[in-house]
Amino acid sequence: MHTLHLGVTQFIVVLSYSAFVRTMSASEWKTRCEEEWGLQGAPLPDTVDWKSTFEAKPLGRNLLKNHSPHGVSKDGPPPEPELPDRPDRGPPRFEPEGNYTGWTTSTETLPYDSSGIPAGAVICQLGRYSWFSMEQVVDLKAEGLWEELLDEFQPEIVIQDWYEESQLHKNIYELHVKLLAADKSTVISEHSVQPIEDRSAYSHNWKEVSHVFSGYGPGVRYVHFLHRLKNMFLNGFHQTLFTSSSVIVKPTKTSS
């Protein structure tokens, strides 16, 4: 009987809260957004649907979809590569397996690299490298942000990514991020990373790549996020993993 009474009480509380939410005015929703995200001083025009904006929660959350398609986490070490019991005599493989829902993917198979082989050396087999590219375009307005905030307040846009030290090559990772205008082609700001790996000592960890866009100017409506990871086929498929990719808009005003 006591359990039933508690359930009824909880049900009444939920109904009361739902009724309260439905009756909140536009100005109350705007105040709630301002207080929730600490947007004092930011432009908050009455033309914005503040209830929908609050429910979309565009500030402080990851706007990328499917940020870890390999099913691994940066909070644990990368899985150790499994060596095949016998050489793979089938056709070469150049694309990693994974659930890439939300990503546009492409593969570039690279020519054999014999630049470091001495003249006259006999080579039985060379590894064949490929770049695997994954990209997304984030529509900032569709995610709940409004033009006045992007143009005048220019909140920080924080990019973060983690890739595996796979030891496959000195160049195993690239990141290219662009802030685009409404036409999806005009580049307002961009950032690229193409690190060179130190393979003098074995290391197999996650490496962080991050960047903060600030003071980028008016007109930003999209974020184009693209990264490439290098894989290799030699008696089996050997890949470079990534995890925890993110594009987060912070409720922080930046300087011009």
C-alpha atoms as a PDB file:
ATOM      1  CA  MET A   1       0.000   0.000   0.000  1.00  0.00           C
ATOM      2  CA  HIS A   2       2.849   2.320   0.843  1.00  0.00           C
ATOM      3  CA  THR A   3       4.527   1.578  -2.517  1.00  0.00           C
ATOM      4  CA  LEU A   4       1.318   2.370  -4.380  1.00  0.00           C
ATOM      5  CA  HIS A   5       0.965   5.658  -2.498  1.00  0.00           C
ATOM      6  CA  LEU A   6       4.553   6.625  -3.382  1.00  0.00           C
ATOM      7  CA  GLY A   7       3.938   5.807  -7.054  1.00  0.00           C
ATOM      8  CA  VAL A   8       0.822   7.972  -7.136  1.00  0.00           C
ATOM      9  CA  THR A   9       2.710  10.822  -5.478  1.00  0.00           C
ATOM     10  CA  GLN A  10       5.521  10.603  -8.035  1.00  0.00           C
ATOM     11  CA  PHE A  11       2.969  10.508 -10.856  1.00  0.00           C
ATOM     12  CA  ILE A  12       1.314  13.671  -9.529  1.00  0.00           C
ATOM     13  CA  VAL A  13       4.696  15.415  -9.276  1.00  0.00           C
ATOM     14  CA  VAL A  14       5.513  14.512 -12.903  1.00  0.00           C
ATOM     15  CA  LEU A  15       2.132  15.780 -14.068  1.00  0.00           C
ATOM     16  CA  SER A  16       2.570  18.992 -12.105  1.00  0.00           C
ATOM     17  CA  TYR A  17       6.021  19.575 -13.602  1.00  0.00           C
ATOM     18  CA  SER A  18       4.738  18.866 -17.119  1.00  0.00           C
ATOM     19  CA  ALA A  19       1.902  21.341 -16.636  1.00  0.00           C
ATOM     20  CA  PHE A  20       4.387  23.909 -15.325  1.00  0.00           C
ATOM     21  CA  VAL A  21       6.635  23.439 -18.368  1.00  0.00           C
ATOM     22  CA  ARG A  22       3.712  23.837 -20.765  1.00  0.00           C
ATOM     23  CA  THR A  23       2.628  27.095 -19.114  1.00  0.00           C
ATOM     24  CA  MET A  24       6.036  28.778 -19.014  1.00  0.00           C
ATOM     25  CA  SER A  25       6.075  31.974 -21.068  1.00  0.00           C
ATOM     26  CA  ALA A  26       8.600  32.773 -23.814  1.00  0.00           C
ATOM     27  CA  SER A  27      10.390  35.233 -21.541  1.00  0.00           C
ATOM     28  CA  GLU A  28      10.636  32.609 -18.795  1.00  0.00           C
ATOM     29  CA  TRP A  29      12.173  30.115 -21.230  1.00  0.00           C
ATOM     30  CA  LYS A  30      14.662  32.796 -22.295  1.00  0.00           C
ATOM     31  CA  THR A  31      15.597  33.487 -18.686  1.00  0.00           C
ATOM     32  CA  ARG A  32      16.005  29.778 -18.076  1.00  0.00           C
ATOM     33  CA  CYS A  33      18.404  29.465 -21.046  1.00  0.00           C
ATOM     34  CA  GLU A  34      20.376  32.484 -19.877  1.00  0.00           C
ATOM     35  CA  GLU A  35      20.751  31.113 -16.361  1.00  0.00           C
ATOM     36  CA  GLU A  36      21.338  27.492 -17.428  1.00  0.00           C
ATOM     37  CA  TRP A  37      24.281  28.396 -19.677  1.00  0.00           C
ATOM     38  CA  GLY A  38      25.527  31.565 -17.987  1.00  0.00           C
ATOM     39  CA  LEU A  39      24.840  33.719 -21.043  1.00  0.00           C
ATOM     40  CA  GLN A  40      24.769  37.093 -19.300  1.00  0.00           C
ATOM     41  CA  GLY A  41      25.725  39.688 -21.894  1.00  0.00           C
ATOM     42  CA  ALA A  42      24.910  37.461 -24.865  1.00  0.00           C
ATOM     43  CA  PRO A  43      22.301  38.555 -27.425  1.00  0.00           C
ATOM     44  CA  LEU A  44      18.968  36.895 -26.603  1.00  0.00           C
ATOM     45  CA  PRO A  45      16.476  38.088 -29.233  1.00  0.00           C
ATOM     46  CA  ASP A  46      12.749  37.465 -28.763  1.00  0.00           C
ATOM     47  CA  THR A  47      12.589  35.950 -32.271  1.00  0.00           C
ATOM     48  CA  VAL A  48      14.258  32.759 -30.974  1.00  0.00           C
ATOM     49  CA  ASP A  49      12.063  29.853 -29.849  1.00  0.00           C
ATOM     50  CA  TRP A  50      13.617  29.570 -26.396  1.00  0.00           C
ATOM     51  CA  LYS A  51      11.683  26.474 -25.351  1.00  0.00           C
ATOM     52  CA  SER A  52      13.016  24.536 -28.358  1.00  0.00           C
ATOM     53  CA  THR A  53      16.484  25.971 -27.781  1.00  0.00           C
ATOM     54  CA  PHE A  54      16.487  24.847 -24.160  1.00  0.00           C
ATOM     55  CA  GLU A  55      15.363  21.350 -25.126  1.00  0.00           C
ATOM     56  CA  ALA A  56      18.030  21.125 -27.886  1.00  0.00           C
ATOM     57  CA  LYS A  57      20.788  22.008 -25.362  1.00  0.00           C
ATOM     58  CA  PRO A  58      23.253  23.165 -28.042  1.00  0.00           C
ATOM     59  CA  LEU A  59      25.848  24.484 -25.583  1.00  0.00           C
ATOM     60  CA  GLY A  60      28.260  22.232 -23.753  1.00  0.00           C
ATOM     61  CA  ARG A  61      27.407  18.952 -25.501  1.00  0.00           C
ATOM     62  CA  ASN A  62      29.179  17.026 -28.246  1.00  0.00           C
ATOM     63  CA  LEU A  63      27.590  17.959 -31.591  1.00  0.00           C
ATOM     64  CA  LEU A  64      29.299  15.136 -33.514  1.00  0.00           C
ATOM     65  CA  LYS A  65      27.313  11.981 -34.114  1.00  0.00           C
ATOM     66  CA  ASN A  66      28.760   8.536 -33.368  1.00  0.00           C
ATOM     67  CA  HIS A  67      32.015   9.836 -31.919  1.00  0.00           C
ATOM     68  CA  SER A  68      33.545   6.382 -31.235  1.00  0.00           C
ATOM     69  CA  PRO A  69      32.609   4.018 -34.099  1.00  0.00           C
ATOM     70  CA  HIS A  70      35.306   1.481 -33.190  1.00  0.00           C
ATOM     71  CA  GLY A  71      33.732   0.851 -29.787  1.00  0.00           C
ATOM     72  CA  VAL A  72      36.860   1.752 -27.825  1.00  0.00           C
ATOM     73  CA  SER A  73      37.387   4.397 -25.139  1.00  0.00           C
ATOM     74  CA  LYS A  74      40.239   6.773 -24.360  1.00  0.00           C
ATOM     75  CA  ASP A  75      39.741   5.903 -20.686  1.00  0.00           C
ATOM     76  CA  GLY A  76      41.428   2.549 -21.285  1.00  0.00           C
ATOM     77  CA  PRO A  77      44.544   1.627 -23.274  1.00  0.00           C
ATOM     78  CA  PRO A  78      44.176   0.916 -26.997  1.00  0.00           C
ATOM     79  CA  PRO A  79      43.725  -2.787 -27.721  1.00  0.00           C
ATOM     80  CA  GLU A  80      46.935  -4.558 -28.614  1.00  0.00           C
ATOM     81  CA  PRO A  81      46.983  -5.573 -32.297  1.00  0.00           C
ATOM     82  CA  GLU A  82      46.345  -9.227 -32.967  1.00  0.00           C
ATOM     83  CA  LEU A  83      48.926 -10.912 -35.184  1.00  0.00           C
ATOM     84  CA  PRO A  84      47.477 -13.449 -37.630  1.00  0.00           C
ATOM     85  CA  ASP A  85      48.383 -17.103 -37.071  1.00  0.00           C
ATOM     86  CA  ARG A  86      49.204 -17.382 -40.752  1.00  0.00           C
ATOM     87  CA  PRO A  87      49.718 -14.803 -43.516  1.00  0.00           C
ATOM     88  CA  ASP A  88      46.566 -13.528 -45.195  1.00  0.00           C
ATOM     89  CA  ARG A  89      46.833 -14.703 -48.802  1.00  0.00           C
ATOM     90  CA  GLY A  90      43.536 -13.141 -49.835  1.00  0.00           C
ATOM     91  CA  PRO A  91      43.074  -9.791 -51.566  1.00  0.00           C
ATOM     92  CA  PRO A  92      44.501  -6.781 -49.693  1.00  0.00           C
ATOM     93  CA  ARG A  93      42.157  -4.973 -47.333  1.00  0.00           C
ATOM     94  CA  PHE A  94      42.379  -1.210 -46.872  1.00  0.00           C
ATOM     95  CA  GLU A  95      39.282  -0.174 -44.897  1.00  0.00           C
ATOM     96  CA  PRO A  96      38.755  -0.808 -41.160  1.00  0.00           C
ATOM     97  CA  GLU A  97      35.573  -2.348 -39.826  1.00  0.00           C
ATOM     98  CA  GLY A  98      33.231  -0.245 -37.726  1.00  0.00           C
ATOM     99  CA  ASN A  99      29.823   1.361 -37.492  1.00  0.00           C
ATOM    100  CA  TYR A 100      30.311   4.662 -39.311  1.00  0.00           C
ATOM    101  CA  THR A 101      26.727   5.904 -39.065  1.00  0.00           C
ATOM    102  CA  GLY A 102      26.825   9.708 -39.239  1.00  0.00           C
ATOM    103  CA  TRP A 103      30.209   9.791 -40.988  1.00  0.00           C
ATOM    104  CA  THR A 104      31.065  10.128 -44.661  1.00  0.00           C
ATOM    105  CA  THR A 105      34.028   7.832 -45.339  1.00  0.00           C
ATOM    106  CA  SER A 106      36.546   7.391 -48.136  1.00  0.00           C
ATOM    107  CA  THR A 107      39.759   5.429 -48.736  1.00  0.00           C
ATOM    108  CA  GLU A 108      42.945   6.448 -50.533  1.00  0.00           C
ATOM    109  CA  THR A 109      45.295   3.562 -51.294  1.00  0.00           C
ATOM    110  CA  LEU A 110      48.888   4.775 -51.472  1.00  0.00           C
ATOM    111  CA  PRO A 111      51.579   3.512 -53.848  1.00  0.00           C
ATOM    112  CA  TYR A 112      54.316   1.272 -52.521  1.00  0.00           C
ATOM    113  CA  ASP A 113      57.050   3.247 -50.781  1.00  0.00           C
ATOM    114  CA  SER A 114      60.540   1.940 -51.524  1.00  0.00           C
ATOM    115  CA  SER A 115      62.387   5.172 -50.747  1.00  0.00           C
ATOM    116  CA  GLY A 116      64.252   3.757 -47.733  1.00  0.00           C
ATOM    117  CA  ILE A 117      65.370   0.510 -49.393  1.00  0.00           C
ATOM    118  CA  PRO A 118      69.088   0.317 -50.352  1.00  0.00           C
ATOM    119  CA  ALA A 119      69.963  -0.287 -53.977  1.00  0.00           C
ATOM    120  CA  GLY A 120      70.323  -3.993 -54.778  1.00  0.00           C
ATOM    121  CA  ALA A 121      68.370  -5.182 -51.754  1.00  0.00           C
ATOM    122  CA  VAL A 122      66.009  -8.094 -52.307  1.00  0.00           C
ATOM    123  CA  ILE A 123      62.520  -7.439 -50.966  1.00  0.00           C
ATOM    124  CA  CYS A 124      60.051 -10.287 -50.558  1.00  0.00           C
ATOM    125  CA  GLN A 125      57.055  -8.146 -49.653  1.00  0.00           C
ATOM    126  CA  LEU A 126      56.256  -4.518 -48.852  1.00  0.00           C
ATOM    127  CA  GLY A 127      53.459  -3.114 -46.753  1.00  0.00           C
ATOM    128  CA  ARG A 128      50.751  -1.238 -48.626  1.00  0.00           C
ATOM    129  CA  TYR A 129      49.444   1.861 -46.874  1.00  0.00           C
ATOM    130  CA  SER A 130      46.091   3.609 -47.139  1.00  0.00           C
ATOM    131  CA  TRP A 131      44.419   6.681 -45.664  1.00  0.00           C
ATOM    132  CA  PHE A 132      40.920   6.191 -44.255  1.00  0.00           C
ATOM    133  CA  SER A 133      39.040   9.509 -44.087  1.00  0.00           C
ATOM    134  CA  MET A 134      35.969  10.278 -41.978  1.00  0.00           C
ATOM    135  CA  GLU A 135      34.089  13.561 -42.055  1.00  0.00           C
ATOM    136  CA  GLN A 136      30.989  15.240 -40.696  1.00  0.00           C
ATOM    137  CA  VAL A 137      29.374  18.632 -41.217  1.00  0.00           C
ATOM    138  CA  VAL A 138      27.689  20.082 -38.117  1.00  0.00           C
ATOM    139  CA  ASP A 139      24.790  22.453 -38.814  1.00  0.00           C
ATOM    140  CA  LEU A 140      25.040  24.846 -35.854  1.00  0.00           C
ATOM    141  CA  LYS A 141      21.600  26.422 -36.313  1.00  0.00           C
ATOM    142  CA  ALA A 142      19.935  23.025 -36.685  1.00  0.00           C
ATOM    143  CA  GLU A 143      21.564  22.007 -33.382  1.00  0.00           C
ATOM    144  CA  GLY A 144      19.854  24.930 -31.619  1.00  0.00           C
ATOM    145  CA  LEU A 145      22.293  27.859 -31.850  1.00  0.00           C
ATOM    146  CA  TRP A 146      21.067  31.219 -33.087  1.00  0.00           C
ATOM    147  CA  GLU A 147      22.639  33.693 -35.531  1.00  0.00           C
ATOM    148  CA  GLU A 148      23.081  36.578 -33.079  1.00  0.00           C
ATOM    149  CA  LEU A 149      25.018  34.363 -30.682  1.00  0.00           C
ATOM    150  CA  LEU A 150      27.319  33.089 -33.431  1.00  0.00           C
ATOM    151  CA  ASP A 151      27.869  36.504 -35.024  1.00  0.00           C
ATOM    152  CA  GLU A 152      28.158  38.809 -32.002  1.00  0.00           C
ATOM    153  CA  PHE A 153      28.994  36.680 -28.966  1.00  0.00           C
ATOM    154  CA  GLN A 154      31.106  34.222 -31.002  1.00  0.00           C
ATOM    155  CA  PRO A 155      31.227  31.436 -28.410  1.00  0.00           C
ATOM    156  CA  GLU A 156      34.285  29.220 -28.217  1.00  0.00           C
ATOM    157  CA  ILE A 157      34.109  26.171 -30.490  1.00  0.00           C
ATOM    158  CA  VAL A 158      36.252  23.414 -28.990  1.00  0.00           C
ATOM    159  CA  ILE A 159      37.576  20.544 -31.119  1.00  0.00           C
ATOM    160  CA  GLN A 160      39.007  17.385 -29.562  1.00  0.00           C
ATOM    161  CA  ASP A 161      40.119  14.029 -30.930  1.00  0.00           C
ATOM    162  CA  TRP A 162      42.110  11.012 -29.741  1.00  0.00           C
ATOM    163  CA  TYR A 163      44.095   8.669 -31.987  1.00  0.00           C
ATOM    164  CA  GLU A 164      46.130   5.548 -31.372  1.00  0.00           C
ATOM    165  CA  GLU A 165      49.908   5.419 -31.546  1.00  0.00           C
ATOM    166  CA  SER A 166      49.806   2.494 -33.925  1.00  0.00           C
ATOM    167  CA  GLN A 167      53.543   2.665 -34.838  1.00  0.00           C
ATOM    168  CA  LEU A 168      52.648   1.898 -38.453  1.00  0.00           C
ATOM    169  CA  HIS A 169      54.354   4.928 -39.962  1.00  0.00           C
ATOM    170  CA  LYS A 170      55.731   8.341 -39.069  1.00  0.00           C
ATOM    171  CA  ASN A 171      52.528   9.941 -40.426  1.00  0.00           C
ATOM    172  CA  ILE A 172      49.437   8.120 -39.182  1.00  0.00           C
ATOM    173  CA  TYR A 173      46.960  10.916 -38.422  1.00  0.00           C
ATOM    174  CA  GLU A 174      45.632  14.185 -39.838  1.00  0.00           C
ATOM    175  CA  LEU A 175      42.904  16.555 -38.649  1.00  0.00           C
ATOM    176  CA  HIS A 176      41.306  19.299 -40.744  1.00  0.00           C
ATOM    177  CA  VAL A 177      38.508  21.452 -39.300  1.00  0.00           C
ATOM    178  CA  LYS A 178      36.826  24.387 -41.028  1.00  0.00           C
ATOM    179  CA  LEU A 179      34.263  26.911 -39.849  1.00  0.00           C
ATOM    180  CA  LEU A 180      31.999  27.536 -42.826  1.00  0.00           C
ATOM    181  CA  ALA A 181      29.531  30.244 -43.802  1.00  0.00           C
ATOM    182  CA  ALA A 182      25.890  29.679 -44.738  1.00  0.00           C
ATOM    183  CA  ASP A 183      26.846  28.629 -48.284  1.00  0.00           C
ATOM    184  CA  LYS A 184      28.845  25.673 -46.838  1.00  0.00           C
ATOM    185  CA  SER A 185      31.856  26.586 -48.988  1.00  0.00           C
ATOM    186  CA  THR A 186      33.219  29.930 -47.715  1.00  0.00           C
ATOM    187  CA  VAL A 187      35.873  29.212 -45.073  1.00  0.00           C
ATOM    188  CA  ILE A 188      35.816  31.706 -42.194  1.00  0.00           C
ATOM    189  CA  SER A 189      38.449  29.958 -40.073  1.00  0.00           C
ATOM    190  CA  GLU A 190      40.313  26.649 -40.217  1.00  0.00           C
ATOM    191  CA  HIS A 191      42.782  24.511 -38.310  1.00  0.00           C
ATOM    192  CA  SER A 192      44.880  21.535 -39.447  1.00  0.00           C
ATOM    193  CA  VAL A 193      47.125  19.105 -37.589  1.00  0.00           C
ATOM    194  CA  GLN A 194      49.576  16.697 -39.258  1.00  0.00           C
ATOM    195  CA  PRO A 195      51.843  15.342 -36.505  1.00  0.00           C
ATOM    196  CA  ILE A 196      55.008  13.340 -37.076  1.00  0.00           C
ATOM    197  CA  GLU A 197      55.345  10.327 -34.806  1.00  0.00           C
ATOM    198  CA  ASP A 198      58.472   9.501 -32.813  1.00  0.00           C
ATOM    199  CA  ARG A 199      59.058   5.799 -33.419  1.00  0.00           C
ATOM    200  CA  SER A 200      62.467   5.625 -31.768  1.00  0.00           C
ATOM    201  CA  ALA A 201      60.890   3.879 -28.760  1.00  0.00           C
ATOM    202  CA  TYR A 202      57.744   1.766 -28.677  1.00  0.00           C
ATOM    203  CA  SER A 203      54.716   3.549 -27.292  1.00  0.00           C
ATOM    204  CA  HIS A 204      51.103   2.484 -27.677  1.00  0.00           C
ATOM    205  CA  ASN A 205      48.797   5.049 -26.106  1.00  0.00           C
ATOM    206  CA  TRP A 206      46.046   7.464 -27.054  1.00  0.00           C
ATOM    207  CA  LYS A 207      47.256  10.864 -28.236  1.00  0.00           C
ATOM    208  CA  GLU A 208      45.057  13.926 -27.804  1.00  0.00           C
ATOM    209  CA  VAL A 209      44.555  16.570 -30.468  1.00  0.00           C
ATOM    210  CA  SER A 210      42.585  19.690 -29.570  1.00  0.00           C
ATOM    211  CA  HIS A 211      41.954  23.239 -30.706  1.00  0.00           C
ATOM    212  CA  VAL A 212      39.771  26.163 -29.599  1.00  0.00           C
ATOM    213  CA  PHE A 213      38.276  28.451 -32.234  1.00  0.00           C
ATOM    214  CA  SER A 214      37.759  31.946 -30.822  1.00  0.00           C
ATOM    215  CA  GLY A 215      37.354  35.424 -32.243  1.00  0.00           C
ATOM    216  CA  TYR A 216      36.590  33.926 -35.631  1.00  0.00           C
ATOM    217  CA  GLY A 217      34.296  36.698 -36.862  1.00  0.00           C
ATOM    218  CA  PRO A 218      30.636  36.728 -37.927  1.00  0.00           C
ATOM    219  CA  GLY A 219      28.964  34.382 -40.371  1.00  0.00           C
ATOM    220  CA  VAL A 220      29.822  30.906 -39.050  1.00  0.00           C
ATOM    221  CA  ARG A 221      26.974  28.437 -39.582  1.00  0.00           C
ATOM    222  CA  TYR A 222      28.684  25.041 -40.053  1.00  0.00           C
ATOM    223  CA  VAL A 223      31.660  23.096 -38.704  1.00  0.00           C
ATOM    224  CA  HIS A 224      33.324  20.707 -41.139  1.00  0.00           C
ATOM    225  CA  PHE A 225      35.271  18.045 -39.211  1.00  0.00           C
ATOM    226  CA  LEU A 226      37.574  15.672 -41.119  1.00  0.00           C
ATOM    227  CA  HIS A 227      40.280  13.361 -39.891  1.00  0.00           C
ATOM    228  CA  ARG A 228      42.378  10.743 -41.667  1.00  0.00           C
ATOM    229  CA  LEU A 229      44.059   7.694 -40.182  1.00  0.00           C
ATOM    230  CA  LYS A 230      46.662   5.521 -41.837  1.00  0.00           C
ATOM    231  CA  ASN A 231      46.279   1.751 -42.151  1.00  0.00           C
ATOM    232  CA  MET A 232      48.576  -0.898 -43.609  1.00  0.00           C
ATOM    233  CA  PHE A 233      48.181  -4.291 -45.238  1.00  0.00           C
ATOM    234  CA  LEU A 234      51.078  -6.724 -44.825  1.00  0.00           C
ATOM    235  CA  ASN A 235      50.192 -10.396 -44.226  1.00  0.00           C
ATOM    236  CA  GLY A 236      47.032  -9.026 -42.625  1.00  0.00           C
ATOM    237  CA  PHE A 237      45.283  -5.716 -41.969  1.00  0.00           C
ATOM    238  CA  HIS A 238      46.811  -3.318 -39.434  1.00  0.00           C
ATOM    239  CA  GLN A 239      44.907  -0.172 -38.487  1.00  0.00           C
ATOM    240  CA  THR A 240      45.094   3.078 -36.546  1.00  0.00           C
ATOM    241  CA  LEU A 241      42.103   3.623 -34.263  1.00  0.00           C
ATOM    242  CA  PHE A 242      40.465   6.802 -33.003  1.00  0.00           C
ATOM    243  CA  THR A 243      37.912   7.605 -30.310  1.00  0.00           C
ATOM    244  CA  SER A 244      36.024  10.408 -28.533  1.00  0.00           C
ATOM    245  CA  SER A 245      35.952  12.911 -31.385  1.00  0.00           C
ATOM    246  CA  SER A 246      34.044  16.043 -30.365  1.00  0.00           C
ATOM    247  CA  VAL A 247      32.834  19.467 -31.453  1.00  0.00           C
ATOM    248  CA  ILE A 248      31.546  21.406 -28.444  1.00  0.00           C
ATOM    249  CA  VAL A 249      30.287  24.998 -28.412  1.00  0.00           C
ATOM    250  CA  LYS A 250      31.052  26.579 -25.044  1.00  0.00           C
ATOM    251  CA  PRO A 251      28.934  29.372 -23.487  1.00  0.00           C
ATOM    252  CA  THR A 252      32.097  31.488 -23.348  1.00  0.00           C
ATOM    253  CA  LYS A 253      32.430  34.809 -25.160  1.00  0.00           C
ATOM    254  CA  THR A 254      35.662  35.224 -27.132  1.00  0.00           C
ATOM    255  CA  SER A 255      37.617  38.282 -28.107  1.00  0.00           C
ATOM    256  CA  SER A 256      37.827  39.465 -31.689  1.00  0.00           C
END
